[in-house]
Amino acid sequence: MKSILTMAWTAEDPAAFDLAAKLARAFDARLVGLEPPSYGVMSMAWADAGMGAPIGGGLAEDAEERQRVGAVKQAFEQRAVGLRSEWRSADDSGPTAIGTIGRAYELIVMPQPGPLPKMPESVFETALFDSGRPVLVVPAGYQGMVGKRILFSWNGSTESARAISLAMPFLSKADSIDVMSVDGPSGMVPGPSSAEIAESLRSHGLNVTSQHVKSGNRSAGQTIVDTAIAGGADMILKGAYTQSRLRQMIFGGMTRHLILNSPLPVLFSY
């Protein structure tokens, strides 16, 4: 992995920059910081989609926006010292920039989305759906490193299978990989078992275990988080949206639970 694209929404949440810089050093990769879209640009995108700005969003004045973006740029530059790095403006690209620009990079590192003042969920979705690249979501305040102990959430799907190839730079360096599946209709679709996937990964010389976990009264998403924490994982790997995005917006689902609630970084692919 030799190129990483990263974005932070505010300078108050630089965890994505911190982790992206650590990964750039570990992989000897070039690090590019992307300017976040302004609240004004986002409000126009919401209007084009027939939506209003989020309630309580409070669109910032131009001077406040310049201050926000300037602070984000400064936070990036402080963390990129000593790296091959670049700050890239998104002036001509708007809210979809990270999805289109991201196609040129091997990894995208972003903050965990949520209601404003967090990064809008739509920016994450653009990166995931439009780039064709893996997206690493970093919870606010996260200060650790990732990739030593990986929990791979396997559900038998095409999306999960694709995640193996996209995550191989991490998997090949991991000390241990735990392939887990969750029982129940929301946990698995027809496909190979977690034990079969573990055996496939072991053929690459990797240290891999597998388990099939009962969720009990928990959601499948919370079961994944609980299993990752109990096993000492530092990162979760997940193929995203086996169920449709709309269905998960309405009814919930594993992917959306991990996007919004995981206390560990999650590497998503689609």
C-alpha atoms as a PDB file:
ATOM      1  CA  MET A   1       0.000   0.000   0.000  1.00  0.00           C
ATOM      2  CA  LYS A   2       1.739   3.157  -1.226  1.00  0.00           C
ATOM      3  CA  SER A   3      -0.950   5.854  -1.295  1.00  0.00           C
ATOM      4  CA  ILE A   4      -3.444   6.980   1.346  1.00  0.00           C
ATOM      5  CA  LEU A   5      -6.143   9.648   1.082  1.00  0.00           C
ATOM      6  CA  THR A   6      -7.526  11.102   4.287  1.00  0.00           C
ATOM      7  CA  MET A   7     -10.122  13.656   5.391  1.00  0.00           C
ATOM      8  CA  ALA A   8     -11.157  15.163   8.706  1.00  0.00           C
ATOM      9  CA  TRP A   9     -14.344  17.155   9.200  1.00  0.00           C
ATOM     10  CA  THR A  10     -13.106  19.458  11.969  1.00  0.00           C
ATOM     11  CA  ALA A  11      -9.784  20.075  13.674  1.00  0.00           C
ATOM     12  CA  GLU A  12     -11.455  19.052  16.938  1.00  0.00           C
ATOM     13  CA  ASP A  13     -11.603  15.454  15.632  1.00  0.00           C
ATOM     14  CA  PRO A  14      -8.183  14.742  14.047  1.00  0.00           C
ATOM     15  CA  ALA A  15      -8.214  10.985  14.831  1.00  0.00           C
ATOM     16  CA  ALA A  16      -8.451  10.094  11.127  1.00  0.00           C
ATOM     17  CA  PHE A  17      -5.343  12.196  10.410  1.00  0.00           C
ATOM     18  CA  ASP A  18      -3.486  10.626  13.353  1.00  0.00           C
ATOM     19  CA  LEU A  19      -4.160   7.073  12.185  1.00  0.00           C
ATOM     20  CA  ALA A  20      -3.602   7.854   8.492  1.00  0.00           C
ATOM     21  CA  ALA A  21      -0.169   9.304   9.320  1.00  0.00           C
ATOM     22  CA  LYS A  22       0.750   6.214  11.380  1.00  0.00           C
ATOM     23  CA  LEU A  23      -0.268   3.963   8.503  1.00  0.00           C
ATOM     24  CA  ALA A  24       1.670   6.065   5.993  1.00  0.00           C
ATOM     25  CA  ARG A  25       4.793   5.616   8.104  1.00  0.00           C
ATOM     26  CA  ALA A  26       4.210   1.889   8.565  1.00  0.00           C
ATOM     27  CA  PHE A  27       3.677   1.262   4.848  1.00  0.00           C
ATOM     28  CA  ASP A  28       6.077   3.958   3.570  1.00  0.00           C
ATOM     29  CA  ALA A  29       3.105   5.447   1.728  1.00  0.00           C
ATOM     30  CA  ARG A  30       2.374   8.874   0.321  1.00  0.00           C
ATOM     31  CA  LEU A  31      -0.280  10.691   2.376  1.00  0.00           C
ATOM     32  CA  VAL A  32      -2.743  13.142   0.814  1.00  0.00           C
ATOM     33  CA  GLY A  33      -5.137  15.239   2.879  1.00  0.00           C
ATOM     34  CA  LEU A  34      -8.361  16.288   1.187  1.00  0.00           C
ATOM     35  CA  GLU A  35     -10.113  19.528   2.060  1.00  0.00           C
ATOM     36  CA  PRO A  36     -13.592  18.817   3.466  1.00  0.00           C
ATOM     37  CA  PRO A  37     -16.583  20.249   1.595  1.00  0.00           C
ATOM     38  CA  SER A  38     -18.071  23.368   3.153  1.00  0.00           C
ATOM     39  CA  TYR A  39     -21.397  23.420   4.937  1.00  0.00           C
ATOM     40  CA  GLY A  40     -22.660  25.699   2.162  1.00  0.00           C
ATOM     41  CA  VAL A  41     -21.711  23.165  -0.518  1.00  0.00           C
ATOM     42  CA  MET A  42     -23.304  20.399   1.506  1.00  0.00           C
ATOM     43  CA  SER A  43     -26.514  22.405   1.909  1.00  0.00           C
ATOM     44  CA  MET A  44     -26.730  22.861  -1.864  1.00  0.00           C
ATOM     45  CA  ALA A  45     -26.232  19.109  -2.319  1.00  0.00           C
ATOM     46  CA  TRP A  46     -29.020  18.432   0.161  1.00  0.00           C
ATOM     47  CA  ALA A  47     -31.254  20.897  -1.705  1.00  0.00           C
ATOM     48  CA  ASP A  48     -30.488  19.231  -5.057  1.00  0.00           C
ATOM     49  CA  ALA A  49     -31.570  15.943  -3.513  1.00  0.00           C
ATOM     50  CA  GLY A  50     -34.849  17.505  -2.355  1.00  0.00           C
ATOM     51  CA  MET A  51     -33.741  17.631   1.275  1.00  0.00           C
ATOM     52  CA  GLY A  52     -33.292  20.407   3.780  1.00  0.00           C
ATOM     53  CA  ALA A  53     -30.142  20.899   5.777  1.00  0.00           C
ATOM     54  CA  PRO A  54     -30.138  18.777   8.934  1.00  0.00           C
ATOM     55  CA  ILE A  55     -32.157  20.311  11.764  1.00  0.00           C
ATOM     56  CA  GLY A  56     -29.878  22.255  14.033  1.00  0.00           C
ATOM     57  CA  GLY A  57     -27.064  22.104  11.502  1.00  0.00           C
ATOM     58  CA  GLY A  58     -26.467  25.840  11.632  1.00  0.00           C
ATOM     59  CA  LEU A  59     -24.746  26.593   8.316  1.00  0.00           C
ATOM     60  CA  ALA A  60     -21.578  28.542   8.986  1.00  0.00           C
ATOM     61  CA  GLU A  61     -20.737  31.958   7.580  1.00  0.00           C
ATOM     62  CA  ASP A  62     -17.966  32.193   4.988  1.00  0.00           C
ATOM     63  CA  ALA A  63     -15.395  33.471   7.500  1.00  0.00           C
ATOM     64  CA  GLU A  64     -16.209  30.651   9.908  1.00  0.00           C
ATOM     65  CA  GLU A  65     -15.930  28.138   7.085  1.00  0.00           C
ATOM     66  CA  ARG A  66     -12.514  29.442   6.063  1.00  0.00           C
ATOM     67  CA  GLN A  67     -11.421  29.173   9.676  1.00  0.00           C
ATOM     68  CA  ARG A  68     -12.707  25.578   9.923  1.00  0.00           C
ATOM     69  CA  VAL A  69     -10.987  24.468   6.721  1.00  0.00           C
ATOM     70  CA  GLY A  70      -7.788  26.299   7.662  1.00  0.00           C
ATOM     71  CA  ALA A  71      -7.705  24.578  11.039  1.00  0.00           C
ATOM     72  CA  VAL A  72      -8.265  21.181   9.405  1.00  0.00           C
ATOM     73  CA  LYS A  73      -5.412  21.833   6.969  1.00  0.00           C
ATOM     74  CA  GLN A  74      -3.114  22.835   9.833  1.00  0.00           C
ATOM     75  CA  ALA A  75      -4.037  19.676  11.764  1.00  0.00           C
ATOM     76  CA  PHE A  76      -3.131  17.585   8.710  1.00  0.00           C
ATOM     77  CA  GLU A  77       0.195  19.337   8.137  1.00  0.00           C
ATOM     78  CA  GLN A  78       1.215  18.879  11.775  1.00  0.00           C
ATOM     79  CA  ARG A  79       0.712  15.117  11.494  1.00  0.00           C
ATOM     80  CA  ALA A  80       2.296  14.791   8.056  1.00  0.00           C
ATOM     81  CA  VAL A  81       5.700  16.140   9.093  1.00  0.00           C
ATOM     82  CA  GLY A  82       8.422  13.875   7.712  1.00  0.00           C
ATOM     83  CA  LEU A  83       6.072  12.097   5.302  1.00  0.00           C
ATOM     84  CA  ARG A  84       5.689  12.356   1.562  1.00  0.00           C
ATOM     85  CA  SER A  85       2.499  14.373   1.724  1.00  0.00           C
ATOM     86  CA  GLU A  86       0.213  16.844  -0.014  1.00  0.00           C
ATOM     87  CA  TRP A  87      -2.859  18.895   0.855  1.00  0.00           C
ATOM     88  CA  ARG A  88      -5.468  18.820  -1.880  1.00  0.00           C
ATOM     89  CA  SER A  89      -8.236  21.375  -2.337  1.00  0.00           C
ATOM     90  CA  ALA A  90     -11.712  20.163  -3.279  1.00  0.00           C
ATOM     91  CA  ASP A  91     -12.922  23.546  -4.562  1.00  0.00           C
ATOM     92  CA  ASP A  92     -13.874  22.208  -7.974  1.00  0.00           C
ATOM     93  CA  SER A  93     -15.340  18.920  -6.781  1.00  0.00           C
ATOM     94  CA  GLY A  94     -17.889  19.620  -4.067  1.00  0.00           C
ATOM     95  CA  PRO A  95     -19.254  16.969  -1.743  1.00  0.00           C
ATOM     96  CA  THR A  96     -18.513  14.068  -4.137  1.00  0.00           C
ATOM     97  CA  ALA A  97     -14.774  14.804  -4.282  1.00  0.00           C
ATOM     98  CA  ILE A  98     -13.662  12.056  -1.957  1.00  0.00           C
ATOM     99  CA  GLY A  99     -15.414   9.397  -4.036  1.00  0.00           C
ATOM    100  CA  THR A 100     -13.956  10.450  -7.375  1.00  0.00           C
ATOM    101  CA  ILE A 101     -10.503  11.514  -6.177  1.00  0.00           C
ATOM    102  CA  GLY A 102     -10.308   8.440  -3.956  1.00  0.00           C
ATOM    103  CA  ARG A 103     -10.120   6.115  -6.963  1.00  0.00           C
ATOM    104  CA  ALA A 104      -6.446   7.045  -7.322  1.00  0.00           C
ATOM    105  CA  TYR A 105      -5.512   5.902  -3.787  1.00  0.00           C
ATOM    106  CA  GLU A 106      -5.217   2.485  -2.209  1.00  0.00           C
ATOM    107  CA  LEU A 107      -6.905   3.437   1.067  1.00  0.00           C
ATOM    108  CA  ILE A 108      -9.256   6.178   2.279  1.00  0.00           C
ATOM    109  CA  VAL A 109      -9.187   7.114   5.977  1.00  0.00           C
ATOM    110  CA  MET A 110     -12.144   9.093   7.346  1.00  0.00           C
ATOM    111  CA  PRO A 111     -13.726  10.059  10.670  1.00  0.00           C
ATOM    112  CA  GLN A 112     -16.757   8.212  11.972  1.00  0.00           C
ATOM    113  CA  PRO A 113     -19.853   9.979  10.585  1.00  0.00           C
ATOM    114  CA  GLY A 114     -22.956  11.101  12.421  1.00  0.00           C
ATOM    115  CA  PRO A 115     -25.178  14.140  12.994  1.00  0.00           C
ATOM    116  CA  LEU A 116     -23.531  17.545  12.666  1.00  0.00           C
ATOM    117  CA  PRO A 117     -21.032  18.659  13.868  1.00  0.00           C
ATOM    118  CA  LYS A 118     -19.744  15.189  12.885  1.00  0.00           C
ATOM    119  CA  MET A 119     -19.026  14.385   9.248  1.00  0.00           C
ATOM    120  CA  PRO A 120     -22.292  13.743   7.351  1.00  0.00           C
ATOM    121  CA  GLU A 121     -22.975  10.091   6.614  1.00  0.00           C
ATOM    122  CA  SER A 122     -23.438  10.982   2.933  1.00  0.00           C
ATOM    123  CA  VAL A 123     -19.738  11.897   2.629  1.00  0.00           C
ATOM    124  CA  PHE A 124     -18.738   8.460   3.893  1.00  0.00           C
ATOM    125  CA  GLU A 125     -21.186   6.809   1.488  1.00  0.00           C
ATOM    126  CA  THR A 126     -19.720   8.742  -1.435  1.00  0.00           C
ATOM    127  CA  ALA A 127     -16.261   7.475  -0.533  1.00  0.00           C
ATOM    128  CA  LEU A 128     -17.491   3.903  -0.149  1.00  0.00           C
ATOM    129  CA  PHE A 129     -19.752   3.649  -3.211  1.00  0.00           C
ATOM    130  CA  ASP A 130     -17.890   5.851  -5.711  1.00  0.00           C
ATOM    131  CA  SER A 131     -14.206   5.151  -5.113  1.00  0.00           C
ATOM    132  CA  GLY A 132     -13.997   1.365  -5.421  1.00  0.00           C
ATOM    133  CA  ARG A 133     -11.437   1.518  -2.610  1.00  0.00           C
ATOM    134  CA  PRO A 134     -11.498   0.354   1.023  1.00  0.00           C
ATOM    135  CA  VAL A 135     -12.558   3.002   3.536  1.00  0.00           C
ATOM    136  CA  LEU A 136     -11.206   2.991   7.085  1.00  0.00           C
ATOM    137  CA  VAL A 137     -13.590   4.710   9.525  1.00  0.00           C
ATOM    138  CA  VAL A 138     -11.928   6.065  12.681  1.00  0.00           C
ATOM    139  CA  PRO A 139     -13.927   6.803  15.860  1.00  0.00           C
ATOM    140  CA  ALA A 140     -13.444  10.210  17.466  1.00  0.00           C
ATOM    141  CA  GLY A 141     -10.582  10.248  19.939  1.00  0.00           C
ATOM    142  CA  TYR A 142      -9.034   6.984  18.746  1.00  0.00           C
ATOM    143  CA  GLN A 143      -5.278   7.056  19.368  1.00  0.00           C
ATOM    144  CA  GLY A 144      -4.080   3.515  18.710  1.00  0.00           C
ATOM    145  CA  MET A 145      -2.661   1.698  15.702  1.00  0.00           C
ATOM    146  CA  VAL A 146      -4.497  -0.927  13.659  1.00  0.00           C
ATOM    147  CA  GLY A 147      -3.722  -4.132  11.831  1.00  0.00           C
ATOM    148  CA  LYS A 148      -2.059  -6.392  14.414  1.00  0.00           C
ATOM    149  CA  ARG A 149      -5.215  -8.213  15.518  1.00  0.00           C
ATOM    150  CA  ILE A 150      -8.023  -8.123  12.947  1.00  0.00           C
ATOM    151  CA  LEU A 151     -11.588  -9.332  13.360  1.00  0.00           C
ATOM    152  CA  PHE A 152     -13.047 -10.179   9.941  1.00  0.00           C
ATOM    153  CA  SER A 153     -16.838 -10.106  10.001  1.00  0.00           C
ATOM    154  CA  TRP A 154     -17.757 -12.772   7.441  1.00  0.00           C
ATOM    155  CA  ASN A 155     -21.366 -13.267   6.292  1.00  0.00           C
ATOM    156  CA  GLY A 156     -20.934 -15.419   3.170  1.00  0.00           C
ATOM    157  CA  SER A 157     -21.592 -12.557   0.739  1.00  0.00           C
ATOM    158  CA  THR A 158     -19.903 -11.237  -2.386  1.00  0.00           C
ATOM    159  CA  GLU A 159     -19.170  -8.013  -0.512  1.00  0.00           C
ATOM    160  CA  SER A 160     -17.374  -9.960   2.204  1.00  0.00           C
ATOM    161  CA  ALA A 161     -15.367 -11.922  -0.357  1.00  0.00           C
ATOM    162  CA  ARG A 162     -14.299  -8.706  -2.060  1.00  0.00           C
ATOM    163  CA  ALA A 163     -13.138  -7.350   1.297  1.00  0.00           C
ATOM    164  CA  ILE A 164     -10.472 -10.060   1.470  1.00  0.00           C
ATOM    165  CA  SER A 165      -8.692  -8.803  -1.651  1.00  0.00           C
ATOM    166  CA  LEU A 166      -9.011  -5.118  -0.779  1.00  0.00           C
ATOM    167  CA  ALA A 167      -7.758  -5.666   2.763  1.00  0.00           C
ATOM    168  CA  MET A 168      -4.820  -7.920   1.870  1.00  0.00           C
ATOM    169  CA  PRO A 169      -2.176  -5.247   2.664  1.00  0.00           C
ATOM    170  CA  PHE A 170      -3.475  -5.352   6.249  1.00  0.00           C
ATOM    171  CA  LEU A 171      -4.175  -9.080   6.407  1.00  0.00           C
ATOM    172  CA  SER A 172      -0.689  -9.997   5.171  1.00  0.00           C
ATOM    173  CA  LYS A 173       0.927  -8.033   8.030  1.00  0.00           C
ATOM    174  CA  ALA A 174      -1.451  -9.042  10.831  1.00  0.00           C
ATOM    175  CA  ASP A 175      -0.256 -11.055  13.824  1.00  0.00           C
ATOM    176  CA  SER A 176      -3.661 -12.730  14.036  1.00  0.00           C
ATOM    177  CA  ILE A 177      -6.951 -12.767  12.113  1.00  0.00           C
ATOM    178  CA  ASP A 178     -10.232 -14.017  13.551  1.00  0.00           C
ATOM    179  CA  VAL A 179     -12.905 -14.797  10.956  1.00  0.00           C
ATOM    180  CA  MET A 180     -16.281 -14.620  12.697  1.00  0.00           C
ATOM    181  CA  SER A 181     -19.839 -15.161  11.570  1.00  0.00           C
ATOM    182  CA  VAL A 182     -23.046 -14.460  13.454  1.00  0.00           C
ATOM    183  CA  ASP A 183     -25.983 -16.833  13.597  1.00  0.00           C
ATOM    184  CA  GLY A 184     -29.422 -15.847  12.323  1.00  0.00           C
ATOM    185  CA  PRO A 185     -30.839 -14.518   9.032  1.00  0.00           C
ATOM    186  CA  SER A 186     -29.348 -11.048   9.538  1.00  0.00           C
ATOM    187  CA  GLY A 187     -25.915 -12.530  10.153  1.00  0.00           C
ATOM    188  CA  MET A 188     -25.361 -14.845   7.181  1.00  0.00           C
ATOM    189  CA  VAL A 189     -26.351 -15.277   3.542  1.00  0.00           C
ATOM    190  CA  PRO A 190     -25.772 -18.475   1.524  1.00  0.00           C
ATOM    191  CA  GLY A 191     -22.046 -18.909   1.025  1.00  0.00           C
ATOM    192  CA  PRO A 192     -18.898 -20.438   2.498  1.00  0.00           C
ATOM    193  CA  SER A 193     -18.614 -20.741   6.265  1.00  0.00           C
ATOM    194  CA  SER A 194     -16.211 -18.721   8.397  1.00  0.00           C
ATOM    195  CA  ALA A 195     -14.170 -21.918   8.863  1.00  0.00           C
ATOM    196  CA  GLU A 196     -13.782 -22.298   5.077  1.00  0.00           C
ATOM    197  CA  ILE A 197     -12.639 -18.691   4.717  1.00  0.00           C
ATOM    198  CA  ALA A 198     -10.167 -19.135   7.564  1.00  0.00           C
ATOM    199  CA  GLU A 199      -8.720 -22.178   5.814  1.00  0.00           C
ATOM    200  CA  SER A 200      -8.378 -20.205   2.583  1.00  0.00           C
ATOM    201  CA  LEU A 201      -6.516 -17.409   4.366  1.00  0.00           C
ATOM    202  CA  ARG A 202      -4.236 -19.898   6.144  1.00  0.00           C
ATOM    203  CA  SER A 203      -3.061 -21.078   2.733  1.00  0.00           C
ATOM    204  CA  HIS A 204      -1.348 -17.668   2.456  1.00  0.00           C
ATOM    205  CA  GLY A 205       0.685 -18.416   5.575  1.00  0.00           C
ATOM    206  CA  LEU A 206      -1.498 -16.242   7.822  1.00  0.00           C
ATOM    207  CA  ASN A 207      -2.364 -16.929  11.467  1.00  0.00           C
ATOM    208  CA  VAL A 208      -6.153 -17.346  11.236  1.00  0.00           C
ATOM    209  CA  THR A 209      -8.858 -18.680  13.534  1.00  0.00           C
ATOM    210  CA  SER A 210     -12.623 -18.837  13.024  1.00  0.00           C
ATOM    211  CA  GLN A 211     -15.763 -18.826  15.127  1.00  0.00           C
ATOM    212  CA  HIS A 212     -19.535 -18.778  14.698  1.00  0.00           C
ATOM    213  CA  VAL A 213     -21.148 -16.638  17.396  1.00  0.00           C
ATOM    214  CA  LYS A 214     -24.683 -16.655  18.763  1.00  0.00           C
ATOM    215  CA  SER A 215     -26.069 -13.143  19.067  1.00  0.00           C
ATOM    216  CA  GLY A 216     -28.639 -13.920  21.751  1.00  0.00           C
ATOM    217  CA  ASN A 217     -30.586 -10.741  22.557  1.00  0.00           C
ATOM    218  CA  ARG A 218     -28.011  -8.507  20.865  1.00  0.00           C
ATOM    219  CA  SER A 219     -28.102  -7.115  17.342  1.00  0.00           C
ATOM    220  CA  ALA A 220     -25.680  -8.682  14.869  1.00  0.00           C
ATOM    221  CA  GLY A 221     -23.736  -5.415  14.760  1.00  0.00           C
ATOM    222  CA  GLN A 222     -23.341  -5.255  18.526  1.00  0.00           C
ATOM    223  CA  THR A 223     -22.332  -8.916  18.566  1.00  0.00           C
ATOM    224  CA  ILE A 224     -19.475  -8.099  16.175  1.00  0.00           C
ATOM    225  CA  VAL A 225     -18.314  -5.201  18.346  1.00  0.00           C
ATOM    226  CA  ASP A 226     -18.501  -7.253  21.551  1.00  0.00           C
ATOM    227  CA  THR A 227     -16.572 -10.131  19.969  1.00  0.00           C
ATOM    228  CA  ALA A 228     -13.882  -7.807  18.627  1.00  0.00           C
ATOM    229  CA  ILE A 229     -13.347  -6.152  22.006  1.00  0.00           C
ATOM    230  CA  ALA A 230     -13.368  -9.461  23.897  1.00  0.00           C
ATOM    231  CA  GLY A 231     -10.733 -10.852  21.514  1.00  0.00           C
ATOM    232  CA  GLY A 232      -8.457  -7.820  21.765  1.00  0.00           C
ATOM    233  CA  ALA A 233      -8.902  -6.810  18.118  1.00  0.00           C
ATOM    234  CA  ASP A 234      -7.640  -3.403  17.037  1.00  0.00           C
ATOM    235  CA  MET A 235      -9.624  -3.304  13.758  1.00  0.00           C
ATOM    236  CA  ILE A 236     -12.800  -4.776  12.285  1.00  0.00           C
ATOM    237  CA  LEU A 237     -12.978  -5.734   8.595  1.00  0.00           C
ATOM    238  CA  LYS A 238     -16.426  -5.691   7.002  1.00  0.00           C
ATOM    239  CA  GLY A 239     -17.880  -6.025   3.517  1.00  0.00           C
ATOM    240  CA  ALA A 240     -20.557  -3.337   3.503  1.00  0.00           C
ATOM    241  CA  TYR A 241     -24.271  -3.352   2.750  1.00  0.00           C
ATOM    242  CA  THR A 242     -25.176  -6.926   1.904  1.00  0.00           C
ATOM    243  CA  GLN A 243     -28.681  -5.660   2.663  1.00  0.00           C
ATOM    244  CA  SER A 244     -29.649  -2.516   0.748  1.00  0.00           C
ATOM    245  CA  ARG A 245     -28.643   0.856   2.134  1.00  0.00           C
ATOM    246  CA  LEU A 246     -32.300   1.994   2.171  1.00  0.00           C
ATOM    247  CA  ARG A 247     -33.380  -1.051   4.144  1.00  0.00           C
ATOM    248  CA  GLN A 248     -30.640  -0.428   6.680  1.00  0.00           C
ATOM    249  CA  MET A 249     -31.580   3.262   6.952  1.00  0.00           C
ATOM    250  CA  ILE A 250     -35.128   2.199   7.895  1.00  0.00           C
ATOM    251  CA  PHE A 251     -34.660  -1.030   9.822  1.00  0.00           C
ATOM    252  CA  GLY A 252     -31.010  -0.928  10.849  1.00  0.00           C
ATOM    253  CA  GLY A 253     -28.349  -3.472  10.007  1.00  0.00           C
ATOM    254  CA  MET A 254     -24.827  -4.669  10.692  1.00  0.00           C
ATOM    255  CA  THR A 255     -23.109  -2.217   8.363  1.00  0.00           C
ATOM    256  CA  ARG A 256     -24.900   0.849   9.632  1.00  0.00           C
ATOM    257  CA  HIS A 257     -24.419  -0.136  13.266  1.00  0.00           C
ATOM    258  CA  LEU A 258     -20.670  -0.412  12.700  1.00  0.00           C
ATOM    259  CA  ILE A 259     -20.509   2.829  10.704  1.00  0.00           C
ATOM    260  CA  LEU A 260     -22.126   4.889  13.442  1.00  0.00           C
ATOM    261  CA  ASN A 261     -21.308   3.058  16.670  1.00  0.00           C
ATOM    262  CA  SER A 262     -18.108   1.004  16.524  1.00  0.00           C
ATOM    263  CA  PRO A 263     -15.559   2.050  19.176  1.00  0.00           C
ATOM    264  CA  LEU A 264     -12.862   0.411  17.009  1.00  0.00           C
ATOM    265  CA  PRO A 265     -11.742   1.472  13.536  1.00  0.00           C
ATOM    266  CA  VAL A 266     -13.612  -0.441  10.827  1.00  0.00           C
ATOM    267  CA  LEU A 267     -12.264  -1.122   7.348  1.00  0.00           C
ATOM    268  CA  PHE A 268     -15.216  -1.222   4.945  1.00  0.00           C
ATOM    269  CA  SER A 269     -15.306  -2.320   1.324  1.00  0.00           C
ATOM    270  CA  TYR A 270     -18.136  -2.506  -1.168  1.00  0.00           C
END
